[in-house]
Structures are given as C-alpha cells and as structure tokens.
Protein backbone atom coordinates (compact mmCIF):
# COMPACT_ATOMS: atom_id res chain seq x y z
CA MET A 1 178.09 44.22 -14.38
CA LYS A 2 178.90 40.99 -12.57
CA TRP A 3 180.73 41.04 -9.24
CA PRO A 4 184.24 39.70 -10.00
CA LEU A 5 184.62 37.56 -6.87
CA ALA A 6 183.02 34.20 -6.15
CA PRO A 7 180.53 33.94 -3.23
CA GLY A 8 183.10 32.49 -0.80
CA PRO A 9 185.72 35.28 -1.05
CA THR A 10 182.93 37.85 -1.18
CA ALA A 11 181.52 36.51 2.09
CA ILE A 12 184.91 36.85 3.75
CA LEU A 13 185.32 40.42 2.53
CA ALA A 14 181.73 41.42 3.29
CA GLY A 15 181.83 39.70 6.65
CA SER A 16 184.86 41.70 7.74
CA LEU A 17 183.30 44.97 6.60
CA VAL A 18 179.89 44.27 8.12
CA SER A 19 181.38 43.03 11.39
CA GLY A 20 183.45 46.19 11.72
CA LEU A 21 180.46 48.39 10.92
CA ALA A 22 178.00 46.51 13.12
CA ALA A 23 180.37 46.61 16.08
CA THR A 24 179.76 50.36 16.22
CA TRP A 25 175.95 50.13 16.27
CA ARG A 26 174.10 50.76 19.52
CA THR A 27 171.24 48.29 19.55
CA GLU A 28 168.03 48.42 21.54
CA VAL A 29 165.11 45.99 21.44
CA VAL A 30 161.37 46.68 21.59
CA GLY A 31 158.85 43.92 22.25
CA GLU A 32 161.36 41.30 23.38
CA GLY A 33 158.61 39.61 25.36
CA HIS A 34 156.88 38.73 22.08
CA TYR A 35 160.07 37.03 20.90
CA ARG A 36 160.43 35.02 24.12
CA GLU A 37 156.77 33.98 23.96
CA ALA A 38 157.00 32.76 20.39
CA SER A 39 160.40 31.06 20.66
CA SER A 40 159.35 29.04 23.69
CA ALA A 41 156.71 27.28 21.59
CA GLY A 42 159.18 25.59 19.19
CA GLY A 43 159.26 26.32 15.46
CA LEU A 44 159.16 30.06 14.82
CA LEU A 45 158.75 31.90 11.53
CA PHE A 46 160.34 35.37 11.39
CA LEU A 47 158.45 37.71 9.06
CA LEU A 48 160.54 40.65 7.80
CA TRP A 49 160.80 42.98 4.84
CA HIS A 50 163.85 42.47 2.62
CA GLU A 51 165.05 46.05 3.21
CA ALA A 52 165.67 45.38 6.92
CA LEU A 53 167.69 42.21 6.32
CA LEU A 54 171.18 43.45 7.22
CA PRO A 55 170.66 44.62 10.83
CA LEU A 56 168.34 41.69 11.53
CA LEU A 57 170.83 39.15 10.18
CA TRP A 58 173.44 40.64 12.46
CA HIS A 59 171.19 40.72 15.50
CA HIS A 60 170.22 37.02 15.22
CA ARG A 61 173.60 35.67 14.11
CA HIS A 62 174.85 32.35 15.52
CA GLN A 63 171.39 31.37 16.81
CA GLY A 64 170.77 28.47 14.44
CA VAL A 65 168.14 30.31 12.40
CA ALA A 66 167.41 29.07 8.87
CA ILE A 67 166.84 31.54 6.05
CA VAL A 68 165.27 31.11 2.63
CA VAL A 69 167.61 32.45 -0.06
CA SER A 70 167.32 32.72 -3.82
CA GLU A 71 169.12 30.31 -6.13
CA ALA A 72 170.13 33.28 -8.28
CA GLN A 73 173.62 34.81 -8.03
CA ASP A 74 172.61 37.43 -5.46
CA GLY A 75 171.18 34.67 -3.30
CA ARG A 76 174.45 32.72 -3.40
CA TYR A 77 176.34 35.75 -2.11
CA LEU A 78 173.82 36.16 0.70
CA ALA A 79 174.00 32.46 1.54
CA ALA A 80 177.79 32.52 1.71
CA TYR A 81 177.78 35.47 4.10
CA ALA A 82 174.87 34.17 6.20
CA GLY A 83 176.56 30.79 6.55
CA ARG A 84 179.65 32.47 7.98
CA ILE A 85 177.61 34.07 10.76
CA GLY A 86 175.74 30.93 11.77
CA TYR A 87 172.67 30.63 9.55
CA GLN A 88 171.29 27.56 7.81
CA CYS A 89 170.28 28.19 4.19
CA LEU A 90 167.20 26.85 2.41
CA TYR A 91 167.50 27.46 -1.31
CA GLY A 92 164.58 28.63 -3.43
CA SER A 93 162.34 31.63 -4.06
CA SER A 94 159.07 32.61 -5.63
CA THR A 95 160.71 32.36 -9.05
CA ARG A 96 163.16 29.45 -8.73
CA GLY A 97 163.00 26.34 -6.57
CA GLY A 98 160.05 27.65 -4.61
CA ALA A 99 158.41 24.30 -3.90
CA ARG A 100 161.67 22.82 -2.61
CA ALA A 101 162.32 25.81 -0.35
CA LEU A 102 158.75 25.69 0.97
CA LEU A 103 159.04 21.99 1.80
CA GLY A 104 162.38 22.56 3.50
CA ALA A 105 160.98 25.44 5.52
CA VAL A 106 157.96 23.43 6.67
CA ARG A 107 160.20 20.53 7.72
CA ALA A 108 162.52 22.87 9.62
CA LEU A 109 159.64 24.57 11.39
CA ARG A 110 158.06 21.28 12.41
CA ALA A 111 161.45 20.19 13.77
CA GLY A 112 161.52 23.27 16.00
CA THR A 113 163.93 25.40 13.95
CA ALA A 114 163.35 29.12 13.56
CA VAL A 115 163.05 30.15 9.90
CA ALA A 116 163.30 33.70 8.54
CA PHE A 117 161.32 34.73 5.46
CA THR A 118 161.36 37.97 3.47
CA PRO A 119 157.91 37.81 1.86
CA ASP A 120 158.76 40.47 -0.73
CA GLY A 121 162.13 38.94 -1.72
CA PRO A 122 164.23 38.23 -3.61
CA GLN A 123 163.28 40.76 -6.31
CA GLY A 124 160.12 42.51 -5.16
CA PRO A 125 157.81 44.22 -5.59
CA ARG A 126 158.77 46.05 -2.42
CA ARG A 127 156.57 45.29 0.60
CA VAL A 128 154.25 42.99 -1.31
CA VAL A 129 153.64 39.67 0.45
CA LYS A 130 154.02 36.56 -1.70
CA PRO A 131 152.21 33.32 -0.86
CA GLY A 132 155.21 31.15 0.12
CA ILE A 133 155.56 32.38 3.68
CA LEU A 134 151.84 32.13 4.34
CA ALA A 135 151.75 28.58 3.00
CA ALA A 136 154.71 27.58 5.16
CA ALA A 137 153.11 29.12 8.23
CA ALA A 138 149.77 27.44 7.63
CA ARG A 139 151.22 23.99 6.85
CA SER A 140 153.63 23.95 9.77
CA GLY A 141 151.34 25.53 12.35
CA ALA A 142 154.31 27.64 13.51
CA TRP A 143 154.02 30.97 15.22
CA VAL A 144 154.68 33.91 12.91
CA LEU A 145 156.69 36.74 14.48
CA PRO A 146 156.73 40.11 12.69
CA ILE A 147 160.14 41.74 13.07
CA HIS A 148 161.58 45.00 11.78
CA ALA A 149 164.68 47.16 12.25
CA GLU A 150 165.14 50.93 12.06
CA ALA A 151 168.29 53.03 12.34
CA SER A 152 168.70 56.57 13.60
CA ARG A 153 171.08 57.23 10.70
CA ALA A 154 171.31 55.03 7.63
CA TRP A 155 172.10 54.73 3.97
CA ARG A 156 169.33 53.46 1.69
CA LEU A 157 170.47 51.82 -1.50
CA ARG A 158 168.70 52.72 -4.71
CA SER A 159 167.64 49.13 -5.17
CA TRP A 160 164.15 47.70 -5.59
CA ASP A 161 163.83 47.22 -1.81
CA ARG A 162 165.51 50.47 -0.66
CA PHE A 163 167.94 48.28 1.34
CA VAL A 164 168.94 49.79 4.70
CA VAL A 165 172.56 50.01 5.85
CA PRO A 166 172.87 51.64 9.29
CA LYS A 167 175.71 54.16 9.43
CA PRO A 168 178.64 53.85 11.83
CA PHE A 169 177.74 54.59 15.47
CA SER A 170 174.02 54.86 14.68
CA ARG A 171 171.32 53.58 17.00
CA VAL A 172 169.64 50.44 15.68
CA ARG A 173 166.24 49.56 17.05
CA ILE A 174 164.94 45.99 16.67
CA GLY A 175 161.19 45.55 17.08
CA TYR A 176 159.05 42.43 17.52
CA GLY A 177 155.30 42.34 17.02
CA ALA A 178 152.82 40.02 18.67
CA PRO A 179 153.17 36.42 17.43
CA TYR A 180 150.23 34.92 15.56
CA ARG A 181 149.26 31.90 13.49
CA VAL A 182 147.99 31.64 9.91
CA GLU A 183 144.92 29.46 9.60
CA ALA A 184 145.10 26.69 7.00
CA ARG A 185 141.86 27.78 5.33
CA GLN A 186 142.47 31.52 5.57
CA ASP A 187 142.00 33.47 2.35
CA PHE A 188 145.35 34.53 0.86
CA ALA A 189 144.32 38.16 0.33
CA GLU A 190 143.17 38.40 3.94
CA ALA A 191 146.31 36.73 5.28
CA SER A 192 148.54 38.95 3.12
CA HIS A 193 146.79 42.11 4.30
CA ASP A 194 147.10 40.95 7.91
CA ALA A 195 150.85 40.25 7.56
CA THR A 196 151.46 43.66 5.96
CA ALA A 197 149.48 45.43 8.66
CA ARG A 198 151.41 43.68 11.42
CA LEU A 199 154.78 44.60 9.91
CA THR A 200 153.62 48.18 9.43
CA ALA A 201 152.57 48.36 13.08
CA VAL A 202 156.02 47.22 14.25
CA GLU A 203 157.70 49.73 11.95
CA GLN A 204 155.60 52.59 13.26
CA GLU A 205 156.29 51.61 16.85
CA ILE A 206 160.08 51.66 16.53
CA ARG A 207 160.63 54.41 13.96
CA TRP A 208 162.76 57.42 14.82
CA ARG A 209 160.91 60.48 13.62
CA ASP A 210 164.21 62.37 13.28
CA ALA A 211 166.08 59.52 11.55
CA GLY A 212 168.76 60.64 9.10
CA VAL A 213 168.56 58.70 5.82
CA THR A 214 170.95 59.13 2.90
CA ASP A 215 170.31 57.70 -0.55
CA THR A 216 173.23 56.01 -2.24
CA ASP A 217 173.92 54.30 -5.53
C-alpha cells in the first residue's frame, strides 16, 4: 500500500512526531574523541548500519552533513525529512543512480563535507557491506568513522533492517569507533570484512545488556 501523502507533507508530519519523541531521549556519547580527531582532518565519511539511522540523524542534525539516499519512493520521504533537519541529500543507491551518488559523495568529501553512508541500504541485505562506500572512501582519501546507536528501550520494526525507534524517555547511546582509511588497492572482501568488524566493535561497546526491545509491525 502506498503512503497517501507526498514527501513534503510527510516530512512535516514526521518531523513533528520525531522531534517530540527525540526531545524525551537522554543521550550520551562514547568515543567522542574519535569524532573530534576525524572531523578535524576535513572530509569525513560516517559509516553506519541502516537500522540505526533515526537516532543518528537526530544527533547530527543541522551540522551540514550530506547523506546518500535512494531515488526510490522511500528515499524521497527520507530526503524530505532529512532536508528539514539540515542535511544535504545525494541521490542514488546500489540499485539506482549509484554512479552519480558515488561521484557526488567523492566530490563532497574532497571539499571537506562530512558524508553519511549506510552500506547495507536502501534495501539490504541487513548488515552486508556494499562496495559504494568503500569506493568513495578509497577515491576521496577521507577518514571513515564507524558510528552506531543503541537505546535502553526501543521498538524494532519488522522491516528488512530491523529499524530501531527509541521509545519515549529512553537512554540513547551514540558510539564512535576509531577513524581509519580505506586503501585504494585494498581487496573488497578484506575491506568489507574490516568495516563490518569495526561497526560490530562499536555496537558491542555501547550495547545495554538489559535493553528492552519490542517488535512492531
């Protein structure tokens, strides 16, 4: 079933709901020194799983970050909302407009703009790294910063990515891993395994062992 509203009105409605919800979150940051180290060097590539997108979008709102979004309908909704909270949008994905998005990301990174990639988006498989982010990192020479978010209490949608929505008044923990660079001649399988391992390490560091998670349709 198609969502009856266009991206613009949806962004207004979603923005009001998310802003009200996020205002109740209690946020703490782990590894902020890694973020400061990487951001001081210019172009910065955020590496994050698609499931953690909502709290991370909120945390880095109005900071001039660019995000790569799909040209499909879901991507247009995301772009409309992200634009309202201060993000630049680069259109394309692994399935549509990928080359254009990659070129735009490399140009933005070389110009000193931070760019956020979800390497398993926009449609999965979940937590499987696709080559676009690694190519952008290698071509631009930018620092790659693994980033993840966990909530003490959250809903998980029954979507391909198990999308996380922190519940009202939950604790949200943002974690940054050590920044690193992808070598231009590095084997893709090796680089993909390395990126996955780094994201997993951040997740394990910030996870609440007693986190309350509720599945929802």
